[in-house]
Amino acid sequence: MRVPDGEDWGAPVSRLALFAYGSLVDTESAAGTLERPVSRSEPLRLRGWRRRWSTCRDNLRSEKTFALANGELPRHVLGLNLEPADDDEAAPNGVLVELTDGELQRLDVREMRYDRIEVTDQLDAVGIDRVFTYTARAGHFAPQPPEGAVIIASYASTVESAFDSLGDGQRQIYLETTGPPPVEVVEAELVRDRIPPGNPRAW
């Protein structure tokens, strides 16, 4: 079909989305990065993957350092991660957050310890052309927690509350497909930071 003179319709715009499986399930947290109100899809599950506490950051050298109430600085902090899995029954639950290409770049800055990967074929995402998610980079992947690792309580509680807000037993599915924390969950306070804009300050 001929485009009328003076008009450039361009290529069709692809609909992009993020499969959120951790703190980005929380609309307030996601909105803080994207700087706009965020809506979520109905819950769905990602085939071929499992969710574990296997992302690790150096609490002393990274862009943010947290201290315990007694002033102690934990050596490492764990976060959630997706790992390839053979058993679809372990498929983690999550939601889709629709994005623009520029917003994906914002998330890349937030998820600096993760690689962005495409998982379109592992989901039944009607109407979405491409779906991405994040998995830990090799240098931040910890199959076993290193000595001195902790999980920050504000992170763990934000994630659980986000899944609880989805209703329909989604918090329980989250717990069943994640397993118990492998290290102590601790209250901690941010004491030093070089945090990029849009990156959470509470964990």
C-alpha atoms as a PDB file:
ATOM      1  CA  MET A   1       0.000   0.000   0.000  1.00  0.00           C
ATOM      2  CA  ARG A   2       1.317   3.449  -0.958  1.00  0.00           C
ATOM      3  CA  VAL A   3       1.898   5.916   1.877  1.00  0.00           C
ATOM      4  CA  PRO A   4       0.280   9.291   1.077  1.00  0.00           C
ATOM      5  CA  ASP A   5       2.731  12.076   0.192  1.00  0.00           C
ATOM      6  CA  GLY A   6       4.024  13.906   3.255  1.00  0.00           C
ATOM      7  CA  GLU A   7       3.213  11.095   5.663  1.00  0.00           C
ATOM      8  CA  ASP A   8       5.590   8.534   7.150  1.00  0.00           C
ATOM      9  CA  TRP A   9       3.740   5.834   8.985  1.00  0.00           C
ATOM     10  CA  GLY A  10       6.949   4.015   9.822  1.00  0.00           C
ATOM     11  CA  ALA A  11       7.240   0.408  10.968  1.00  0.00           C
ATOM     12  CA  PRO A  12       4.665  -1.094  13.323  1.00  0.00           C
ATOM     13  CA  VAL A  13       5.525  -0.444  16.961  1.00  0.00           C
ATOM     14  CA  SER A  14       6.363  -3.621  18.880  1.00  0.00           C
ATOM     15  CA  ARG A  15       4.729  -4.153  22.250  1.00  0.00           C
ATOM     16  CA  LEU A  16       7.432  -4.899  24.808  1.00  0.00           C
ATOM     17  CA  ALA A  17       7.091  -6.148  28.361  1.00  0.00           C
ATOM     18  CA  LEU A  18       9.141  -7.181  31.352  1.00  0.00           C
ATOM     19  CA  PHE A  19       8.487 -10.419  33.219  1.00  0.00           C
ATOM     20  CA  ALA A  20       8.809  -9.188  36.807  1.00  0.00           C
ATOM     21  CA  TYR A  21       9.474 -11.887  39.410  1.00  0.00           C
ATOM     22  CA  GLY A  22      10.857  -9.962  42.396  1.00  0.00           C
ATOM     23  CA  SER A  23      10.786  -6.372  43.606  1.00  0.00           C
ATOM     24  CA  LEU A  24       9.498  -5.073  40.256  1.00  0.00           C
ATOM     25  CA  VAL A  25       6.210  -6.877  40.930  1.00  0.00           C
ATOM     26  CA  ASP A  26       5.689  -4.036  43.395  1.00  0.00           C
ATOM     27  CA  THR A  27       4.105  -1.196  41.416  1.00  0.00           C
ATOM     28  CA  GLU A  28       5.576   1.516  43.655  1.00  0.00           C
ATOM     29  CA  SER A  29       9.083   0.144  43.207  1.00  0.00           C
ATOM     30  CA  ALA A  30       8.681  -0.168  39.430  1.00  0.00           C
ATOM     31  CA  ALA A  31       7.162   3.319  39.213  1.00  0.00           C
ATOM     32  CA  GLY A  32      10.163   4.743  41.044  1.00  0.00           C
ATOM     33  CA  THR A  33      12.409   3.549  38.235  1.00  0.00           C
ATOM     34  CA  LEU A  34      10.117   4.256  35.290  1.00  0.00           C
ATOM     35  CA  GLU A  35       8.896   7.596  36.707  1.00  0.00           C
ATOM     36  CA  ARG A  36       5.283   6.897  35.817  1.00  0.00           C
ATOM     37  CA  PRO A  37       2.345   4.933  37.194  1.00  0.00           C
ATOM     38  CA  VAL A  38       2.741   1.217  36.521  1.00  0.00           C
ATOM     39  CA  SER A  39       0.086  -1.380  35.813  1.00  0.00           C
ATOM     40  CA  ARG A  40       0.567  -5.152  35.857  1.00  0.00           C
ATOM     41  CA  SER A  41      -0.812  -8.064  33.906  1.00  0.00           C
ATOM     42  CA  GLU A  42      -2.603 -10.938  35.540  1.00  0.00           C
ATOM     43  CA  PRO A  43      -0.131 -13.373  37.170  1.00  0.00           C
ATOM     44  CA  LEU A  44       1.524 -15.901  34.885  1.00  0.00           C
ATOM     45  CA  ARG A  45       4.391 -18.375  35.122  1.00  0.00           C
ATOM     46  CA  LEU A  46       7.680 -18.599  33.258  1.00  0.00           C
ATOM     47  CA  ARG A  47       8.363 -22.053  31.841  1.00  0.00           C
ATOM     48  CA  GLY A  48      11.881 -23.467  31.882  1.00  0.00           C
ATOM     49  CA  TRP A  49      13.153 -21.367  34.798  1.00  0.00           C
ATOM     50  CA  ARG A  50      13.317 -21.438  38.581  1.00  0.00           C
ATOM     51  CA  ARG A  51      13.644 -18.619  41.117  1.00  0.00           C
ATOM     52  CA  ARG A  52      16.359 -18.723  43.777  1.00  0.00           C
ATOM     53  CA  TRP A  53      18.257 -16.443  46.148  1.00  0.00           C
ATOM     54  CA  SER A  54      21.378 -16.596  43.993  1.00  0.00           C
ATOM     55  CA  THR A  55      22.274 -13.033  43.011  1.00  0.00           C
ATOM     56  CA  CYS A  56      25.052 -11.611  45.174  1.00  0.00           C
ATOM     57  CA  ARG A  57      26.515  -8.158  45.602  1.00  0.00           C
ATOM     58  CA  ASP A  58      29.527  -6.981  47.569  1.00  0.00           C
ATOM     59  CA  ASN A  59      28.065  -4.854  50.357  1.00  0.00           C
ATOM     60  CA  LEU A  60      31.394  -3.126  50.980  1.00  0.00           C
ATOM     61  CA  ARG A  61      32.286  -2.217  47.404  1.00  0.00           C
ATOM     62  CA  SER A  62      29.030  -1.828  45.509  1.00  0.00           C
ATOM     63  CA  GLU A  63      27.065   1.387  44.929  1.00  0.00           C
ATOM     64  CA  LYS A  64      25.275   0.989  48.268  1.00  0.00           C
ATOM     65  CA  THR A  65      26.414  -0.254  51.650  1.00  0.00           C
ATOM     66  CA  PHE A  66      24.057  -1.345  54.432  1.00  0.00           C
ATOM     67  CA  ALA A  67      24.793  -1.724  58.134  1.00  0.00           C
ATOM     68  CA  LEU A  68      23.094  -3.797  60.810  1.00  0.00           C
ATOM     69  CA  ALA A  69      21.674  -2.149  63.924  1.00  0.00           C
ATOM     70  CA  ASN A  70      24.929  -2.864  65.776  1.00  0.00           C
ATOM     71  CA  GLY A  71      26.951  -1.116  63.068  1.00  0.00           C
ATOM     72  CA  GLU A  72      28.294  -4.317  61.548  1.00  0.00           C
ATOM     73  CA  LEU A  73      28.667  -4.300  57.762  1.00  0.00           C
ATOM     74  CA  PRO A  74      27.597  -7.600  56.193  1.00  0.00           C
ATOM     75  CA  ARG A  75      30.058  -8.796  53.575  1.00  0.00           C
ATOM     76  CA  HIS A  76      27.485  -9.806  50.929  1.00  0.00           C
ATOM     77  CA  VAL A  77      23.811  -9.207  50.165  1.00  0.00           C
ATOM     78  CA  LEU A  78      21.658 -11.723  48.286  1.00  0.00           C
ATOM     79  CA  GLY A  79      18.816 -11.012  45.877  1.00  0.00           C
ATOM     80  CA  LEU A  80      16.443 -13.068  43.787  1.00  0.00           C
ATOM     81  CA  ASN A  81      17.476 -14.589  40.487  1.00  0.00           C
ATOM     82  CA  LEU A  82      16.165 -16.786  37.703  1.00  0.00           C
ATOM     83  CA  GLU A  83      18.069 -19.941  36.772  1.00  0.00           C
ATOM     84  CA  PRO A  84      17.356 -22.387  33.927  1.00  0.00           C
ATOM     85  CA  ALA A  85      15.321 -25.382  35.079  1.00  0.00           C
ATOM     86  CA  ASP A  86      14.221 -28.672  33.556  1.00  0.00           C
ATOM     87  CA  ASP A  87      11.052 -28.973  35.624  1.00  0.00           C
ATOM     88  CA  ASP A  88       8.204 -26.705  34.510  1.00  0.00           C
ATOM     89  CA  GLU A  89       6.441 -27.394  37.811  1.00  0.00           C
ATOM     90  CA  ALA A  90       9.017 -25.120  39.450  1.00  0.00           C
ATOM     91  CA  ALA A  91       8.129 -22.276  37.064  1.00  0.00           C
ATOM     92  CA  PRO A  92       8.129 -19.007  39.006  1.00  0.00           C
ATOM     93  CA  ASN A  93       5.095 -16.784  39.039  1.00  0.00           C
ATOM     94  CA  GLY A  94       5.263 -13.127  38.118  1.00  0.00           C
ATOM     95  CA  VAL A  95       3.599 -10.374  36.139  1.00  0.00           C
ATOM     96  CA  LEU A  96       4.185  -8.503  32.904  1.00  0.00           C
ATOM     97  CA  VAL A  97       4.886  -4.784  32.948  1.00  0.00           C
ATOM     98  CA  GLU A  98       4.541  -3.212  29.510  1.00  0.00           C
ATOM     99  CA  LEU A  99       7.414  -0.905  28.556  1.00  0.00           C
ATOM    100  CA  THR A 100       8.932   1.232  25.843  1.00  0.00           C
ATOM    101  CA  ASP A 101      12.415   0.542  24.510  1.00  0.00           C
ATOM    102  CA  GLY A 102      13.736   3.551  26.421  1.00  0.00           C
ATOM    103  CA  GLU A 103      12.262   2.215  29.641  1.00  0.00           C
ATOM    104  CA  LEU A 104      14.129  -1.043  29.140  1.00  0.00           C
ATOM    105  CA  GLN A 105      17.318   1.023  29.216  1.00  0.00           C
ATOM    106  CA  ARG A 106      16.238   2.493  32.558  1.00  0.00           C
ATOM    107  CA  LEU A 107      15.719  -0.987  33.938  1.00  0.00           C
ATOM    108  CA  ASP A 108      19.149  -2.050  32.688  1.00  0.00           C
ATOM    109  CA  VAL A 109      20.663   0.643  34.925  1.00  0.00           C
ATOM    110  CA  ARG A 110      18.625  -0.529  37.907  1.00  0.00           C
ATOM    111  CA  GLU A 111      19.394  -4.196  37.281  1.00  0.00           C
ATOM    112  CA  MET A 112      23.126  -3.619  36.888  1.00  0.00           C
ATOM    113  CA  ARG A 113      24.061  -7.048  38.265  1.00  0.00           C
ATOM    114  CA  TYR A 114      21.822  -8.818  35.794  1.00  0.00           C
ATOM    115  CA  ASP A 115      21.764  -9.568  32.077  1.00  0.00           C
ATOM    116  CA  ARG A 116      18.581  -8.794  30.208  1.00  0.00           C
ATOM    117  CA  ILE A 117      17.343 -11.824  28.258  1.00  0.00           C
ATOM    118  CA  GLU A 118      14.355 -12.501  26.042  1.00  0.00           C
ATOM    119  CA  VAL A 119      11.816 -15.073  27.259  1.00  0.00           C
ATOM    120  CA  THR A 120       8.948 -14.508  24.832  1.00  0.00           C
ATOM    121  CA  ASP A 121       8.720 -18.182  23.908  1.00  0.00           C
ATOM    122  CA  GLN A 122       8.493 -19.320  27.539  1.00  0.00           C
ATOM    123  CA  LEU A 123       5.309 -17.369  28.244  1.00  0.00           C
ATOM    124  CA  ASP A 124       1.729 -17.168  27.028  1.00  0.00           C
ATOM    125  CA  ALA A 125       1.673 -13.399  26.632  1.00  0.00           C
ATOM    126  CA  VAL A 126      -1.227 -12.566  24.347  1.00  0.00           C
ATOM    127  CA  GLY A 127      -0.794  -9.297  22.495  1.00  0.00           C
ATOM    128  CA  ILE A 128       2.832  -8.780  23.535  1.00  0.00           C
ATOM    129  CA  ASP A 129       5.498  -9.082  20.837  1.00  0.00           C
ATOM    130  CA  ARG A 130       8.614  -9.464  22.998  1.00  0.00           C
ATOM    131  CA  VAL A 131       9.089 -10.211  26.694  1.00  0.00           C
ATOM    132  CA  PHE A 132      12.327  -9.714  28.611  1.00  0.00           C
ATOM    133  CA  THR A 133      13.512 -10.541  32.101  1.00  0.00           C
ATOM    134  CA  TYR A 134      16.750 -10.453  34.079  1.00  0.00           C
ATOM    135  CA  THR A 135      19.138 -13.154  35.224  1.00  0.00           C
ATOM    136  CA  ALA A 136      22.313 -12.718  37.274  1.00  0.00           C
ATOM    137  CA  ARG A 137      25.547 -11.961  35.459  1.00  0.00           C
ATOM    138  CA  ALA A 138      28.291 -14.541  35.882  1.00  0.00           C
ATOM    139  CA  GLY A 139      30.243 -12.351  38.302  1.00  0.00           C
ATOM    140  CA  HIS A 140      27.199 -11.952  40.563  1.00  0.00           C
ATOM    141  CA  PHE A 141      25.798 -15.479  40.390  1.00  0.00           C
ATOM    142  CA  ALA A 142      26.171 -17.353  43.673  1.00  0.00           C
ATOM    143  CA  PRO A 143      24.908 -20.968  43.466  1.00  0.00           C
ATOM    144  CA  GLN A 144      25.829 -21.232  47.146  1.00  0.00           C
ATOM    145  CA  PRO A 145      25.680 -18.180  49.430  1.00  0.00           C
ATOM    146  CA  PRO A 146      29.144 -16.842  50.263  1.00  0.00           C
ATOM    147  CA  GLU A 147      30.213 -16.568  53.872  1.00  0.00           C
ATOM    148  CA  GLY A 148      28.729 -13.568  55.601  1.00  0.00           C
ATOM    149  CA  ALA A 149      25.836 -13.132  53.167  1.00  0.00           C
ATOM    150  CA  VAL A 150      22.479 -11.774  54.331  1.00  0.00           C
ATOM    151  CA  ILE A 151      19.128 -10.831  52.819  1.00  0.00           C
ATOM    152  CA  ILE A 152      17.831  -7.356  53.632  1.00  0.00           C
ATOM    153  CA  ALA A 153      14.423  -7.568  55.289  1.00  0.00           C
ATOM    154  CA  SER A 154      12.941  -4.604  53.430  1.00  0.00           C
ATOM    155  CA  TYR A 155      13.627  -6.371  50.123  1.00  0.00           C
ATOM    156  CA  ALA A 156      12.143  -9.683  51.226  1.00  0.00           C
ATOM    157  CA  SER A 157       9.037  -8.064  52.705  1.00  0.00           C
ATOM    158  CA  THR A 158       8.469  -5.836  49.659  1.00  0.00           C
ATOM    159  CA  VAL A 159       8.527  -8.852  47.364  1.00  0.00           C
ATOM    160  CA  GLU A 160       6.187 -10.921  49.547  1.00  0.00           C
ATOM    161  CA  SER A 161       3.760  -8.017  49.927  1.00  0.00           C
ATOM    162  CA  ALA A 162       3.772  -7.446  46.168  1.00  0.00           C
ATOM    163  CA  PHE A 163       2.795 -11.048  45.490  1.00  0.00           C
ATOM    164  CA  ASP A 164       0.230 -10.938  48.276  1.00  0.00           C
ATOM    165  CA  SER A 165      -1.399  -7.934  46.571  1.00  0.00           C
ATOM    166  CA  LEU A 166      -1.977 -10.056  43.469  1.00  0.00           C
ATOM    167  CA  GLY A 167      -4.443 -12.229  45.395  1.00  0.00           C
ATOM    168  CA  ASP A 168      -5.486 -15.732  44.342  1.00  0.00           C
ATOM    169  CA  GLY A 169      -2.787 -17.429  46.405  1.00  0.00           C
ATOM    170  CA  GLN A 170       0.078 -15.787  44.503  1.00  0.00           C
ATOM    171  CA  ARG A 171       2.127 -15.165  47.637  1.00  0.00           C
ATOM    172  CA  GLN A 172       1.992 -18.865  48.466  1.00  0.00           C
ATOM    173  CA  ILE A 173       2.992 -19.777  44.902  1.00  0.00           C
ATOM    174  CA  TYR A 174       5.889 -17.331  45.214  1.00  0.00           C
ATOM    175  CA  LEU A 175       7.046 -18.969  48.439  1.00  0.00           C
ATOM    176  CA  GLU A 176       6.685 -22.487  47.035  1.00  0.00           C
ATOM    177  CA  THR A 177       8.622 -21.693  43.848  1.00  0.00           C
ATOM    178  CA  THR A 178      11.385 -19.796  45.661  1.00  0.00           C
ATOM    179  CA  GLY A 179      12.080 -21.785  48.777  1.00  0.00           C
ATOM    180  CA  PRO A 180      13.134 -20.437  52.160  1.00  0.00           C
ATOM    181  CA  PRO A 181      15.890 -17.830  52.399  1.00  0.00           C
ATOM    182  CA  PRO A 182      19.253 -19.623  52.566  1.00  0.00           C
ATOM    183  CA  VAL A 183      20.770 -17.001  54.883  1.00  0.00           C
ATOM    184  CA  GLU A 184      19.598 -14.718  57.691  1.00  0.00           C
ATOM    185  CA  VAL A 185      17.075 -12.021  56.820  1.00  0.00           C
ATOM    186  CA  VAL A 186      18.175  -8.860  58.629  1.00  0.00           C
ATOM    187  CA  GLU A 187      17.058  -5.306  59.273  1.00  0.00           C
ATOM    188  CA  ALA A 188      19.646  -2.964  57.804  1.00  0.00           C
ATOM    189  CA  GLU A 189      20.177   0.729  57.160  1.00  0.00           C
ATOM    190  CA  LEU A 190      21.784   2.393  54.145  1.00  0.00           C
ATOM    191  CA  VAL A 191      24.984   4.072  55.354  1.00  0.00           C
ATOM    192  CA  ARG A 192      26.897   4.831  52.159  1.00  0.00           C
ATOM    193  CA  ASP A 193      25.737   5.146  48.569  1.00  0.00           C
ATOM    194  CA  ARG A 194      26.464   6.121  44.985  1.00  0.00           C
ATOM    195  CA  ILE A 195      23.074   4.982  43.767  1.00  0.00           C
ATOM    196  CA  PRO A 196      21.978   5.765  40.183  1.00  0.00           C
ATOM    197  CA  PRO A 197      18.603   7.490  39.743  1.00  0.00           C
ATOM    198  CA  GLY A 198      15.707   5.024  39.821  1.00  0.00           C
ATOM    199  CA  ASN A 199      17.596   2.417  41.828  1.00  0.00           C
ATOM    200  CA  PRO A 200      15.908   1.515  45.146  1.00  0.00           C
ATOM    201  CA  ARG A 201      17.477   2.845  48.318  1.00  0.00           C
ATOM    202  CA  ALA A 202      15.745   0.500  50.768  1.00  0.00           C
ATOM    203  CA  TRP A 203      17.722  -2.654  49.898  1.00  0.00           C
END
